[in-house]
Amino acid sequence: MFNPPRFGKIPSRKIGLFPLLLRHAFSDRSIVMVTECLGPQPFHGRIVLLVNQHTASAAETITGFAKENKLATIVGTKTPGQVLGGTGFKTGHGFVLRIPVVTFHTWSGNTLEGRGVEPDFTE
């Protein structure tokens, strides 16, 4: 089973990023970032995210996270399921080969790629 390294706290000062960089820069690029849980907040349950077929990439991952953790009500149409991150390689003669290198999985193990996020309420 693949078990990538984890880090659970983003340094509060920029200088704190250097040890994190040194620890992960020369190893396999896969890491798991575990964010700090601050518990229930007064605004939880009072947020509405409006989504449609153009809500892709980072906007889609935020929507998926908010829906899975019941942090917001999702309104609109299903998102496109386009969350892969890629990198490009010049192949010569002006061509670039773009290859997916990263995807997003929710804490429940679901992937949004090709599936999207279903809104709680549709238009």
PDB file of N, CA and C in Angstrom:
ATOM      1  N   MET A   1       0.838  -1.182   0.000  1.00  0.00           N
ATOM      2  CA  MET A   1       0.000   0.000   0.000  1.00  0.00           C
ATOM      3  C   MET A   1       0.882   1.244   0.000  1.00  0.00           C
ATOM      4  N   PHE A   2       0.512   2.214  -0.821  1.00  0.00           N
ATOM      5  CA  PHE A   2       1.239   3.470  -0.930  1.00  0.00           C
ATOM      6  C   PHE A   2       0.932   4.330   0.285  1.00  0.00           C
ATOM      7  N   ASN A   3       1.949   4.771   0.997  1.00  0.00           N
ATOM      8  CA  ASN A   3       1.765   5.574   2.193  1.00  0.00           C
ATOM      9  C   ASN A   3       2.674   6.800   2.119  1.00  0.00           C
ATOM     10  N   PRO A   4       2.213   7.871   1.468  1.00  0.00           N
ATOM     11  CA  PRO A   4       3.061   9.054   1.295  1.00  0.00           C
ATOM     12  C   PRO A   4       3.300   9.771   2.617  1.00  0.00           C
ATOM     13  N   PRO A   5       4.375  10.569   2.697  1.00  0.00           N
ATOM     14  CA  PRO A   5       4.623  11.348   3.913  1.00  0.00           C
ATOM     15  C   PRO A   5       3.502  12.351   4.154  1.00  0.00           C
ATOM     16  N   ARG A   6       3.291  12.699   5.424  1.00  0.00           N
ATOM     17  CA  ARG A   6       2.236  13.627   5.806  1.00  0.00           C
ATOM     18  C   ARG A   6       2.823  14.832   6.525  1.00  0.00           C
ATOM     19  N   PHE A   7       2.155  15.955   6.371  1.00  0.00           N
ATOM     20  CA  PHE A   7       2.431  17.061   7.276  1.00  0.00           C
ATOM     21  C   PHE A   7       1.097  17.677   7.640  1.00  0.00           C
ATOM     22  N   GLY A   8       1.007  18.127   8.880  1.00  0.00           N
ATOM     23  CA  GLY A   8      -0.289  18.525   9.396  1.00  0.00           C
ATOM     24  C   GLY A   8      -0.433  19.976   9.762  1.00  0.00           C
ATOM     25  N   LYS A   9       0.619  20.758   9.582  1.00  0.00           N
ATOM     26  CA  LYS A   9       0.498  22.163   9.941  1.00  0.00           C
ATOM     27  C   LYS A   9       1.301  23.007   8.967  1.00  0.00           C
ATOM     28  N   ILE A  10       0.664  24.003   8.426  1.00  0.00           N
ATOM     29  CA  ILE A  10       1.354  24.951   7.559  1.00  0.00           C
ATOM     30  C   ILE A  10       2.056  25.941   8.482  1.00  0.00           C
ATOM     31  N   PRO A  11       3.340  26.177   8.284  1.00  0.00           N
ATOM     32  CA  PRO A  11       4.055  27.105   9.161  1.00  0.00           C
ATOM     33  C   PRO A  11       3.405  28.480   9.168  1.00  0.00           C
ATOM     34  N   SER A  12       3.402  29.118  10.329  1.00  0.00           N
ATOM     35  CA  SER A  12       2.774  30.428  10.458  1.00  0.00           C
ATOM     36  C   SER A  12       3.655  31.553   9.907  1.00  0.00           C
ATOM     37  N   ARG A  13       4.961  31.276   9.762  1.00  0.00           N
ATOM     38  CA  ARG A  13       5.883  32.271   9.215  1.00  0.00           C
ATOM     39  C   ARG A  13       6.574  31.692   7.986  1.00  0.00           C
ATOM     40  N   LYS A  14       6.904  32.556   7.043  1.00  0.00           N
ATOM     41  CA  LYS A  14       7.525  32.097   5.798  1.00  0.00           C
ATOM     42  C   LYS A  14       8.830  31.349   6.038  1.00  0.00           C
ATOM     43  N   ILE A  15       9.577  31.734   7.030  1.00  0.00           N
ATOM     44  CA  ILE A  15      10.854  31.077   7.313  1.00  0.00           C
ATOM     45  C   ILE A  15      10.633  29.600   7.667  1.00  0.00           C
ATOM     46  N   GLY A  16       9.472  29.282   8.187  1.00  0.00           N
ATOM     47  CA  GLY A  16       9.144  27.903   8.546  1.00  0.00           C
ATOM     48  C   GLY A  16       8.913  27.004   7.347  1.00  0.00           C
ATOM     49  N   LEU A  17       8.788  27.591   6.159  1.00  0.00           N
ATOM     50  CA  LEU A  17       8.588  26.788   4.948  1.00  0.00           C
ATOM     51  C   LEU A  17       9.871  26.079   4.508  1.00  0.00           C
ATOM     52  N   PHE A  18      11.032  26.639   4.853  1.00  0.00           N
ATOM     53  CA  PHE A  18      12.292  26.054   4.394  1.00  0.00           C
ATOM     54  C   PHE A  18      12.532  24.640   4.919  1.00  0.00           C
ATOM     55  N   PRO A  19      12.352  24.353   6.212  1.00  0.00           N
ATOM     56  CA  PRO A  19      12.516  22.968   6.670  1.00  0.00           C
ATOM     57  C   PRO A  19      11.524  22.017   5.993  1.00  0.00           C
ATOM     58  N   LEU A  20      10.310  22.504   5.758  1.00  0.00           N
ATOM     59  CA  LEU A  20       9.298  21.694   5.077  1.00  0.00           C
ATOM     60  C   LEU A  20       9.741  21.396   3.648  1.00  0.00           C
ATOM     61  N   LEU A  21      10.275  22.404   2.973  1.00  0.00           N
ATOM     62  CA  LEU A  21      10.779  22.240   1.616  1.00  0.00           C
ATOM     63  C   LEU A  21      11.928  21.238   1.578  1.00  0.00           C
ATOM     64  N   LEU A  22      12.877  21.386   2.485  1.00  0.00           N
ATOM     65  CA  LEU A  22      14.024  20.480   2.512  1.00  0.00           C
ATOM     66  C   LEU A  22      13.601  19.037   2.797  1.00  0.00           C
ATOM     67  N   ARG A  23      12.611  18.860   3.638  1.00  0.00           N
ATOM     68  CA  ARG A  23      12.166  17.519   3.998  1.00  0.00           C
ATOM     69  C   ARG A  23      11.493  16.804   2.819  1.00  0.00           C
ATOM     70  N   HIS A  24      10.787  17.560   1.968  1.00  0.00           N
ATOM     71  CA  HIS A  24       9.991  16.920   0.916  1.00  0.00           C
ATOM     72  C   HIS A  24      10.498  17.169  -0.501  1.00  0.00           C
ATOM     73  N   ALA A  25      11.433  18.084  -0.707  1.00  0.00           N
ATOM     74  CA  ALA A  25      11.838  18.477  -2.056  1.00  0.00           C
ATOM     75  C   ALA A  25      12.561  17.381  -2.822  1.00  0.00           C
ATOM     76  N   PHE A  26      13.320  16.550  -2.147  1.00  0.00           N
ATOM     77  CA  PHE A  26      14.150  15.587  -2.857  1.00  0.00           C
ATOM     78  C   PHE A  26      13.628  14.160  -2.760  1.00  0.00           C
ATOM     79  N   SER A  27      12.418  14.010  -2.268  1.00  0.00           N
ATOM     80  CA  SER A  27      11.814  12.678  -2.183  1.00  0.00           C
ATOM     81  C   SER A  27      10.744  12.555  -3.258  1.00  0.00           C
ATOM     82  N   ASP A  28      10.033  11.454  -3.248  1.00  0.00           N
ATOM     83  CA  ASP A  28       8.886  11.294  -4.135  1.00  0.00           C
ATOM     84  C   ASP A  28       7.988  12.510  -3.931  1.00  0.00           C
ATOM     85  N   ARG A  29       7.425  13.048  -4.963  1.00  0.00           N
ATOM     86  CA  ARG A  29       6.646  14.272  -4.865  1.00  0.00           C
ATOM     87  C   ARG A  29       5.306  14.099  -4.159  1.00  0.00           C
ATOM     88  N   SER A  30       4.868  12.897  -3.923  1.00  0.00           N
ATOM     89  CA  SER A  30       3.569  12.684  -3.300  1.00  0.00           C
ATOM     90  C   SER A  30       3.640  12.976  -1.811  1.00  0.00           C
ATOM     91  N   ILE A  31       2.708  13.808  -1.335  1.00  0.00           N
ATOM     92  CA  ILE A  31       2.581  14.088   0.092  1.00  0.00           C
ATOM     93  C   ILE A  31       1.096  14.156   0.427  1.00  0.00           C
ATOM     94  N   VAL A  32       0.783  14.010   1.683  1.00  0.00           N
ATOM     95  CA  VAL A  32      -0.576  14.193   2.165  1.00  0.00           C
ATOM     96  C   VAL A  32      -0.542  15.383   3.105  1.00  0.00           C
ATOM     97  N   MET A  33      -1.375  16.375   2.837  1.00  0.00           N
ATOM     98  CA  MET A  33      -1.448  17.519   3.719  1.00  0.00           C
ATOM     99  C   MET A  33      -2.713  17.402   4.541  1.00  0.00           C
ATOM    100  N   VAL A  34      -2.546  17.353   5.838  1.00  0.00           N
ATOM    101  CA  VAL A  34      -3.665  17.258   6.757  1.00  0.00           C
ATOM    102  C   VAL A  34      -3.857  18.643   7.355  1.00  0.00           C
ATOM    103  N   THR A  35      -4.994  19.248   7.087  1.00  0.00           N
ATOM    104  CA  THR A  35      -5.211  20.607   7.563  1.00  0.00           C
ATOM    105  C   THR A  35      -5.647  20.622   9.022  1.00  0.00           C
ATOM    106  N   GLU A  36      -5.468  21.762   9.625  1.00  0.00           N
ATOM    107  CA  GLU A  36      -5.818  21.922  11.026  1.00  0.00           C
ATOM    108  C   GLU A  36      -7.329  22.006  11.164  1.00  0.00           C
ATOM    109  N   CYS A  37      -7.880  21.248  12.074  1.00  0.00           N
ATOM    110  CA  CYS A  37      -9.321  21.254  12.311  1.00  0.00           C
ATOM    111  C   CYS A  37      -9.603  22.242  13.430  1.00  0.00           C
ATOM    112  N   LEU A  38     -10.329  23.253  13.127  1.00  0.00           N
ATOM    113  CA  LEU A  38     -10.616  24.279  14.122  1.00  0.00           C
ATOM    114  C   LEU A  38     -11.977  24.077  14.775  1.00  0.00           C
ATOM    115  N   GLY A  39     -12.654  22.996  14.417  1.00  0.00           N
ATOM    116  CA  GLY A  39     -13.957  22.718  15.018  1.00  0.00           C
ATOM    117  C   GLY A  39     -15.060  23.569  14.415  1.00  0.00           C
ATOM    118  N   PRO A  40     -16.268  23.440  14.954  1.00  0.00           N
ATOM    119  CA  PRO A  40     -17.405  24.195  14.431  1.00  0.00           C
ATOM    120  C   PRO A  40     -17.170  25.705  14.524  1.00  0.00           C
ATOM    121  N   GLN A  41     -17.605  26.417  13.496  1.00  0.00           N
ATOM    122  CA  GLN A  41     -17.470  27.864  13.436  1.00  0.00           C
ATOM    123  C   GLN A  41     -18.858  28.481  13.268  1.00  0.00           C
ATOM    124  N   PRO A  42     -19.046  29.741  13.693  1.00  0.00           N
ATOM    125  CA  PRO A  42     -20.369  30.375  13.609  1.00  0.00           C
ATOM    126  C   PRO A  42     -20.933  30.434  12.185  1.00  0.00           C
ATOM    127  N   PHE A  43     -20.075  30.489  11.179  1.00  0.00           N
ATOM    128  CA  PHE A  43     -20.555  30.604   9.797  1.00  0.00           C
ATOM    129  C   PHE A  43     -20.893  29.253   9.166  1.00  0.00           C
ATOM    130  N   HIS A  44     -20.534  28.135   9.801  1.00  0.00           N
ATOM    131  CA  HIS A  44     -20.852  26.827   9.234  1.00  0.00           C
ATOM    132  C   HIS A  44     -22.363  26.678   9.088  1.00  0.00           C
ATOM    133  N   GLY A  45     -22.766  26.163   7.941  1.00  0.00           N
ATOM    134  CA  GLY A  45     -24.186  25.984   7.659  1.00  0.00           C
ATOM    135  C   GLY A  45     -24.852  27.226   7.118  1.00  0.00           C
ATOM    136  N   ARG A  46     -24.136  28.318   7.038  1.00  0.00           N
ATOM    137  CA  ARG A  46     -24.702  29.581   6.542  1.00  0.00           C
ATOM    138  C   ARG A  46     -24.055  30.002   5.235  1.00  0.00           C
ATOM    139  N   ILE A  47     -23.319  29.107   4.603  1.00  0.00           N
ATOM    140  CA  ILE A  47     -22.613  29.425   3.369  1.00  0.00           C
ATOM    141  C   ILE A  47     -23.295  28.714   2.211  1.00  0.00           C
ATOM    142  N   VAL A  48     -23.454  29.421   1.106  1.00  0.00           N
ATOM    143  CA  VAL A  48     -24.007  28.846  -0.112  1.00  0.00           C
ATOM    144  C   VAL A  48     -22.964  29.016  -1.209  1.00  0.00           C
ATOM    145  N   LEU A  49     -22.626  27.927  -1.894  1.00  0.00           N
ATOM    146  CA  LEU A  49     -21.718  27.995  -3.033  1.00  0.00           C
ATOM    147  C   LEU A  49     -22.531  27.818  -4.307  1.00  0.00           C
ATOM    148  N   LEU A  50     -22.385  28.751  -5.227  1.00  0.00           N
ATOM    149  CA  LEU A  50     -23.059  28.669  -6.518  1.00  0.00           C
ATOM    150  C   LEU A  50     -22.109  28.012  -7.506  1.00  0.00           C
ATOM    151  N   VAL A  51     -22.550  26.931  -8.152  1.00  0.00           N
ATOM    152  CA  VAL A  51     -21.695  26.175  -9.069  1.00  0.00           C
ATOM    153  C   VAL A  51     -22.406  25.927 -10.388  1.00  0.00           C
ATOM    154  N   ASN A  52     -21.605  25.658 -11.427  1.00  0.00           N
ATOM    155  CA  ASN A  52     -22.146  25.262 -12.727  1.00  0.00           C
ATOM    156  C   ASN A  52     -21.079  24.482 -13.487  1.00  0.00           C
ATOM    157  N   GLN A  53     -21.257  24.337 -14.792  1.00  0.00           N
ATOM    158  CA  GLN A  53     -20.335  23.554 -15.608  1.00  0.00           C
ATOM    159  C   GLN A  53     -18.961  24.201 -15.722  1.00  0.00           C
ATOM    160  N   HIS A  54     -18.815  25.438 -15.289  1.00  0.00           N
ATOM    161  CA  HIS A  54     -17.531  26.129 -15.341  1.00  0.00           C
ATOM    162  C   HIS A  54     -16.792  26.091 -14.003  1.00  0.00           C
ATOM    163  N   THR A  55     -17.390  25.484 -12.995  1.00  0.00           N
ATOM    164  CA  THR A  55     -16.747  25.367 -11.677  1.00  0.00           C
ATOM    165  C   THR A  55     -15.821  24.159 -11.741  1.00  0.00           C
ATOM    166  N   ALA A  56     -14.575  24.394 -12.103  1.00  0.00           N
ATOM    167  CA  ALA A  56     -13.611  23.309 -12.291  1.00  0.00           C
ATOM    168  C   ALA A  56     -12.346  23.582 -11.501  1.00  0.00           C
ATOM    169  N   SER A  57     -11.470  22.602 -11.510  1.00  0.00           N
ATOM    170  CA  SER A  57     -10.149  22.715 -10.902  1.00  0.00           C
ATOM    171  C   SER A  57     -10.256  22.998  -9.410  1.00  0.00           C
ATOM    172  N   ALA A  58      -9.550  24.021  -8.918  1.00  0.00           N
ATOM    173  CA  ALA A  58      -9.525  24.303  -7.481  1.00  0.00           C
ATOM    174  C   ALA A  58     -10.921  24.634  -6.949  1.00  0.00           C
ATOM    175  N   ALA A  59     -11.738  25.332  -7.737  1.00  0.00           N
ATOM    176  CA  ALA A  59     -13.093  25.660  -7.298  1.00  0.00           C
ATOM    177  C   ALA A  59     -13.907  24.389  -7.067  1.00  0.00           C
ATOM    178  N   GLU A  60     -13.648  23.383  -7.866  1.00  0.00           N
ATOM    179  CA  GLU A  60     -14.371  22.115  -7.724  1.00  0.00           C
ATOM    180  C   GLU A  60     -13.902  21.341  -6.492  1.00  0.00           C
ATOM    181  N   THR A  61     -12.617  21.397  -6.192  1.00  0.00           N
ATOM    182  CA  THR A  61     -12.131  20.695  -4.999  1.00  0.00           C
ATOM    183  C   THR A  61     -12.672  21.353  -3.730  1.00  0.00           C
ATOM    184  N   ILE A  62     -12.752  22.672  -3.726  1.00  0.00           N
ATOM    185  CA  ILE A  62     -13.315  23.377  -2.574  1.00  0.00           C
ATOM    186  C   ILE A  62     -14.790  23.025  -2.416  1.00  0.00           C
ATOM    187  N   THR A  63     -15.509  22.966  -3.523  1.00  0.00           N
ATOM    188  CA  THR A  63     -16.921  22.595  -3.486  1.00  0.00           C
ATOM    189  C   THR A  63     -17.097  21.180  -2.955  1.00  0.00           C
ATOM    190  N   GLY A  64     -16.267  20.246  -3.441  1.00  0.00           N
ATOM    191  CA  GLY A  64     -16.337  18.865  -2.967  1.00  0.00           C
ATOM    192  C   GLY A  64     -16.047  18.750  -1.483  1.00  0.00           C
ATOM    193  N   PHE A  65     -15.041  19.492  -1.018  1.00  0.00           N
ATOM    194  CA  PHE A  65     -14.689  19.493   0.403  1.00  0.00           C
ATOM    195  C   PHE A  65     -15.835  20.049   1.243  1.00  0.00           C
ATOM    196  N   ALA A  66     -16.400  21.174   0.803  1.00  0.00           N
ATOM    197  CA  ALA A  66     -17.485  21.811   1.551  1.00  0.00           C
ATOM    198  C   ALA A  66     -18.715  20.912   1.616  1.00  0.00           C
ATOM    199  N   LYS A  67     -19.030  20.238   0.512  1.00  0.00           N
ATOM    200  CA  LYS A  67     -20.199  19.362   0.501  1.00  0.00           C
ATOM    201  C   LYS A  67     -19.978  18.150   1.400  1.00  0.00           C
ATOM    202  N   GLU A  68     -18.823  17.512   1.274  1.00  0.00           N
ATOM    203  CA  GLU A  68     -18.552  16.308   2.057  1.00  0.00           C
ATOM    204  C   GLU A  68     -18.558  16.582   3.557  1.00  0.00           C
ATOM    205  N   ASN A  69     -18.098  17.756   3.954  1.00  0.00           N
ATOM    206  CA  ASN A  69     -18.017  18.110   5.366  1.00  0.00           C
ATOM    207  C   ASN A  69     -19.195  18.948   5.846  1.00  0.00           C
ATOM    208  N   LYS A  70     -20.202  19.078   4.987  1.00  0.00           N
ATOM    209  CA  LYS A  70     -21.422  19.825   5.321  1.00  0.00           C
ATOM    210  C   LYS A  70     -21.116  21.240   5.821  1.00  0.00           C
ATOM    211  N   LEU A  71     -20.212  21.911   5.123  1.00  0.00           N
ATOM    212  CA  LEU A  71     -19.829  23.271   5.476  1.00  0.00           C
ATOM    213  C   LEU A  71     -20.598  24.321   4.683  1.00  0.00           C
ATOM    214  N   ALA A  72     -21.265  23.884   3.601  1.00  0.00           N
ATOM    215  CA  ALA A  72     -21.989  24.824   2.751  1.00  0.00           C
ATOM    216  C   ALA A  72     -23.099  24.095   2.013  1.00  0.00           C
ATOM    217  N   THR A  73     -24.082  24.861   1.581  1.00  0.00           N
ATOM    218  CA  THR A  73     -25.130  24.352   0.704  1.00  0.00           C
ATOM    219  C   THR A  73     -24.691  24.636  -0.722  1.00  0.00           C
ATOM    220  N   ILE A  74     -24.741  23.614  -1.575  1.00  0.00           N
ATOM    221  CA  ILE A  74     -24.288  23.749  -2.965  1.00  0.00           C
ATOM    222  C   ILE A  74     -25.522  23.953  -3.845  1.00  0.00           C
ATOM    223  N   VAL A  75     -25.534  25.029  -4.634  1.00  0.00           N
ATOM    224  CA  VAL A  75     -26.673  25.372  -5.479  1.00  0.00           C
ATOM    225  C   VAL A  75     -26.188  25.580  -6.907  1.00  0.00           C
ATOM    226  N   GLY A  76     -26.939  25.057  -7.874  1.00  0.00           N
ATOM    227  CA  GLY A  76     -26.618  25.275  -9.286  1.00  0.00           C
ATOM    228  C   GLY A  76     -26.730  24.010 -10.092  1.00  0.00           C
ATOM    229  N   THR A  77     -25.766  23.783 -10.977  1.00  0.00           N
ATOM    230  CA  THR A  77     -25.732  22.572 -11.795  1.00  0.00           C
ATOM    231  C   THR A  77     -24.458  21.796 -11.482  1.00  0.00           C
ATOM    232  N   LYS A  78     -24.462  20.533 -11.845  1.00  0.00           N
ATOM    233  CA  LYS A  78     -23.329  19.645 -11.549  1.00  0.00           C
ATOM    234  C   LYS A  78     -22.022  20.209 -12.120  1.00  0.00           C
ATOM    235  N   THR A  79     -20.948  20.086 -11.343  1.00  0.00           N
ATOM    236  CA  THR A  79     -19.637  20.540 -11.800  1.00  0.00           C
ATOM    237  C   THR A  79     -19.067  19.534 -12.803  1.00  0.00           C
ATOM    238  N   PRO A  80     -18.072  19.926 -13.608  1.00  0.00           N
ATOM    239  CA  PRO A  80     -17.631  19.071 -14.716  1.00  0.00           C
ATOM    240  C   PRO A  80     -16.749  17.882 -14.358  1.00  0.00           C
ATOM    241  N   GLY A  81     -16.183  17.850 -13.168  1.00  0.00           N
ATOM    242  CA  GLY A  81     -15.284  16.731 -12.838  1.00  0.00           C
ATOM    243  C   GLY A  81     -13.927  16.882 -13.491  1.00  0.00           C
ATOM    244  N   GLN A  82     -13.383  18.084 -13.472  1.00  0.00           N
ATOM    245  CA  GLN A  82     -12.086  18.368 -14.088  1.00  0.00           C
ATOM    246  C   GLN A  82     -11.124  18.889 -13.023  1.00  0.00           C
ATOM    247  N   VAL A  83     -10.501  17.966 -12.295  1.00  0.00           N
ATOM    248  CA  VAL A  83      -9.637  18.370 -11.192  1.00  0.00           C
ATOM    249  C   VAL A  83      -8.196  17.890 -11.330  1.00  0.00           C
ATOM    250  N   LEU A  84      -7.852  17.220 -12.413  1.00  0.00           N
ATOM    251  CA  LEU A  84      -6.482  16.756 -12.576  1.00  0.00           C
ATOM    252  C   LEU A  84      -5.530  17.933 -12.777  1.00  0.00           C
ATOM    253  N   GLY A  85      -4.406  17.870 -12.118  1.00  0.00           N
ATOM    254  CA  GLY A  85      -3.359  18.848 -12.348  1.00  0.00           C
ATOM    255  C   GLY A  85      -2.329  18.235 -13.275  1.00  0.00           C
ATOM    256  N   GLY A  86      -1.781  19.021 -14.151  1.00  0.00           N
ATOM    257  CA  GLY A  86      -0.849  18.461 -15.126  1.00  0.00           C
ATOM    258  C   GLY A  86       0.410  19.289 -15.257  1.00  0.00           C
ATOM    259  N   THR A  87       1.316  18.748 -16.014  1.00  0.00           N
ATOM    260  CA  THR A  87       2.550  19.459 -16.330  1.00  0.00           C
ATOM    261  C   THR A  87       2.815  19.297 -17.822  1.00  0.00           C
ATOM    262  N   GLY A  88       3.483  20.276 -18.391  1.00  0.00           N
ATOM    263  CA  GLY A  88       3.751  20.238 -19.819  1.00  0.00           C
ATOM    264  C   GLY A  88       5.218  20.007 -20.127  1.00  0.00           C
ATOM    265  N   PHE A  89       5.466  19.281 -21.200  1.00  0.00           N
ATOM    266  CA  PHE A  89       6.826  19.009 -21.659  1.00  0.00           C
ATOM    267  C   PHE A  89       6.937  19.439 -23.107  1.00  0.00           C
ATOM    268  N   LYS A  90       7.930  20.263 -23.415  1.00  0.00           N
ATOM    269  CA  LYS A  90       8.151  20.664 -24.803  1.00  0.00           C
ATOM    270  C   LYS A  90       8.689  19.459 -25.564  1.00  0.00           C
ATOM    271  N   THR A  91       8.069  19.180 -26.705  1.00  0.00           N
ATOM    272  CA  THR A  91       8.482  18.016 -27.498  1.00  0.00           C
ATOM    273  C   THR A  91       9.171  18.415 -28.796  1.00  0.00           C
ATOM    274  N   GLY A  92       9.299  19.701 -29.029  1.00  0.00           N
ATOM    275  CA  GLY A  92       9.943  20.172 -30.253  1.00  0.00           C
ATOM    276  C   GLY A  92       8.927  20.638 -31.277  1.00  0.00           C
ATOM    277  N   HIS A  93       9.371  21.414 -32.235  1.00  0.00           N
ATOM    278  CA  HIS A  93       8.547  21.930 -33.328  1.00  0.00           C
ATOM    279  C   HIS A  93       7.328  22.694 -32.813  1.00  0.00           C
ATOM    280  N   GLY A  94       7.454  23.291 -31.604  1.00  0.00           N
ATOM    281  CA  GLY A  94       6.364  24.091 -31.049  1.00  0.00           C
ATOM    282  C   GLY A  94       5.271  23.299 -30.344  1.00  0.00           C
ATOM    283  N   PHE A  95       5.436  21.989 -30.203  1.00  0.00           N
ATOM    284  CA  PHE A  95       4.423  21.164 -29.552  1.00  0.00           C
ATOM    285  C   PHE A  95       4.737  20.989 -28.068  1.00  0.00           C
ATOM    286  N   VAL A  96       3.684  20.843 -27.281  1.00  0.00           N
ATOM    287  CA  VAL A  96       3.814  20.590 -25.850  1.00  0.00           C
ATOM    288  C   VAL A  96       2.949  19.377 -25.508  1.00  0.00           C
ATOM    289  N   LEU A  97       3.532  18.432 -24.800  1.00  0.00           N
ATOM    290  CA  LEU A  97       2.808  17.255 -24.326  1.00  0.00           C
ATOM    291  C   LEU A  97       2.379  17.530 -22.895  1.00  0.00           C
ATOM    292  N   ARG A  98       1.080  17.522 -22.642  1.00  0.00           N
ATOM    293  CA  ARG A  98       0.552  17.785 -21.298  1.00  0.00           C
ATOM    294  C   ARG A  98       0.126  16.465 -20.678  1.00  0.00           C
ATOM    295  N   ILE A  99       0.664  16.173 -19.490  1.00  0.00           N
ATOM    296  CA  ILE A  99       0.417  14.899 -18.813  1.00  0.00           C
ATOM    297  C   ILE A  99      -0.151  15.169 -17.426  1.00  0.00           C
ATOM    298  N   PRO A 100      -1.252  14.490 -17.046  1.00  0.00           N
ATOM    299  CA  PRO A 100      -1.765  14.653 -15.685  1.00  0.00           C
ATOM    300  C   PRO A 100      -0.799  14.042 -14.676  1.00  0.00           C
ATOM    301  N   VAL A 101      -0.552  14.776 -13.587  1.00  0.00           N
ATOM    302  CA  VAL A 101       0.391  14.286 -12.582  1.00  0.00           C
ATOM    303  C   VAL A 101      -0.186  14.277 -11.171  1.00  0.00           C
ATOM    304  N   VAL A 102      -1.345  14.879 -10.964  1.00  0.00           N
ATOM    305  CA  VAL A 102      -1.925  14.931  -9.620  1.00  0.00           C
ATOM    306  C   VAL A 102      -3.445  14.923  -9.728  1.00  0.00           C
ATOM    307  N   THR A 103      -4.083  14.309  -8.760  1.00  0.00           N
ATOM    308  CA  THR A 103      -5.541  14.318  -8.699  1.00  0.00           C
ATOM    309  C   THR A 103      -5.960  14.627  -7.272  1.00  0.00           C
ATOM    310  N   PHE A 104      -7.226  14.807  -7.064  1.00  0.00           N
ATOM    311  CA  PHE A 104      -7.764  15.160  -5.758  1.00  0.00           C
ATOM    312  C   PHE A 104      -8.686  14.049  -5.282  1.00  0.00           C
ATOM    313  N   HIS A 105      -8.456  13.590  -4.059  1.00  0.00           N
ATOM    314  CA  HIS A 105      -9.337  12.604  -3.420  1.00  0.00           C
ATOM    315  C   HIS A 105      -9.863  13.214  -2.130  1.00  0.00           C
ATOM    316  N   THR A 106     -11.128  12.983  -1.846  1.00  0.00           N
ATOM    317  CA  THR A 106     -11.686  13.482  -0.599  1.00  0.00           C
ATOM    318  C   THR A 106     -11.239  12.587   0.542  1.00  0.00           C
ATOM    319  N   TRP A 107     -11.484  13.018   1.770  1.00  0.00           N
ATOM    320  CA  TRP A 107     -11.111  12.212   2.933  1.00  0.00           C
ATOM    321  C   TRP A 107     -11.840  10.880   2.934  1.00  0.00           C
ATOM    322  N   SER A 108     -12.990  10.818   2.316  1.00  0.00           N
ATOM    323  CA  SER A 108     -13.736   9.556   2.235  1.00  0.00           C
ATOM    324  C   SER A 108     -13.207   8.652   1.133  1.00  0.00           C
ATOM    325  N   GLY A 109     -12.217   9.135   0.377  1.00  0.00           N
ATOM    326  CA  GLY A 109     -11.630   8.336  -0.688  1.00  0.00           C
ATOM    327  C   GLY A 109     -12.299   8.496  -2.036  1.00  0.00           C
ATOM    328  N   ASN A 110     -13.247   9.407  -2.147  1.00  0.00           N
ATOM    329  CA  ASN A 110     -13.925   9.650  -3.416  1.00  0.00           C
ATOM    330  C   ASN A 110     -13.070  10.547  -4.299  1.00  0.00           C
ATOM    331  N   THR A 111     -13.169  10.336  -5.590  1.00  0.00           N
ATOM    332  CA  THR A 111     -12.486  11.216  -6.537  1.00  0.00           C
ATOM    333  C   THR A 111     -13.525  12.023  -7.294  1.00  0.00           C
ATOM    334  N   LEU A 112     -13.188  13.256  -7.591  1.00  0.00           N
ATOM    335  CA  LEU A 112     -14.110  14.129  -8.323  1.00  0.00           C
ATOM    336  C   LEU A 112     -13.864  14.074  -9.823  1.00  0.00           C
ATOM    337  N   GLU A 113     -12.700  13.589 -10.230  1.00  0.00           N
ATOM    338  CA  GLU A 113     -12.347  13.555 -11.648  1.00  0.00           C
ATOM    339  C   GLU A 113     -13.361  12.720 -12.427  1.00  0.00           C
ATOM    340  N   GLY A 114     -13.964  13.341 -13.437  1.00  0.00           N
ATOM    341  CA  GLY A 114     -14.929  12.656 -14.282  1.00  0.00           C
ATOM    342  C   GLY A 114     -16.303  12.484 -13.651  1.00  0.00           C
ATOM    343  N   ARG A 115     -16.446  12.852 -12.391  1.00  0.00           N
ATOM    344  CA  ARG A 115     -17.733  12.685 -11.689  1.00  0.00           C
ATOM    345  C   ARG A 115     -18.376  14.016 -11.334  1.00  0.00           C
ATOM    346  N   GLY A 116     -17.561  14.960 -10.912  1.00  0.00           N
ATOM    347  CA  GLY A 116     -18.090  16.258 -10.505  1.00  0.00           C
ATOM    348  C   GLY A 116     -18.764  16.214  -9.154  1.00  0.00           C
ATOM    349  N   VAL A 117     -19.373  17.329  -8.803  1.00  0.00           N
ATOM    350  CA  VAL A 117     -20.096  17.467  -7.541  1.00  0.00           C
ATOM    351  C   VAL A 117     -21.548  17.764  -7.855  1.00  0.00           C
ATOM    352  N   GLU A 118     -22.433  16.970  -7.299  1.00  0.00           N
ATOM    353  CA  GLU A 118     -23.869  17.194  -7.461  1.00  0.00           C
ATOM    354  C   GLU A 118     -24.303  18.264  -6.469  1.00  0.00           C
ATOM    355  N   PRO A 119     -25.007  19.288  -6.927  1.00  0.00           N
ATOM    356  CA  PRO A 119     -25.470  20.319  -5.997  1.00  0.00           C
ATOM    357  C   PRO A 119     -26.600  19.793  -5.098  1.00  0.00           C
ATOM    358  N   ASP A 120     -26.753  20.434  -3.954  1.00  0.00           N
ATOM    359  CA  ASP A 120     -27.855  20.102  -3.069  1.00  0.00           C
ATOM    360  C   ASP A 120     -29.180  20.560  -3.654  1.00  0.00           C
ATOM    361  N   PHE A 121     -29.139  21.686  -4.358  1.00  0.00           N
ATOM    362  CA  PHE A 121     -30.322  22.246  -5.009  1.00  0.00           C
ATOM    363  C   PHE A 121     -29.943  22.627  -6.426  1.00  0.00           C
ATOM    364  N   THR A 122     -30.759  22.222  -7.402  1.00  0.00           N
ATOM    365  CA  THR A 122     -30.473  22.559  -8.811  1.00  0.00           C
ATOM    366  C   THR A 122     -31.299  23.763  -9.213  1.00  0.00           C
ATOM    367  N   GLU A 123     -30.865  24.403 -10.302  1.00  0.00           N
ATOM    368  CA  GLU A 123     -31.560  25.587 -10.807  1.00  0.00           C
ATOM    369  C   GLU A 123     -32.950  25.240 -11.253  1.00  0.00           C
TER     370      GLU A 123
END
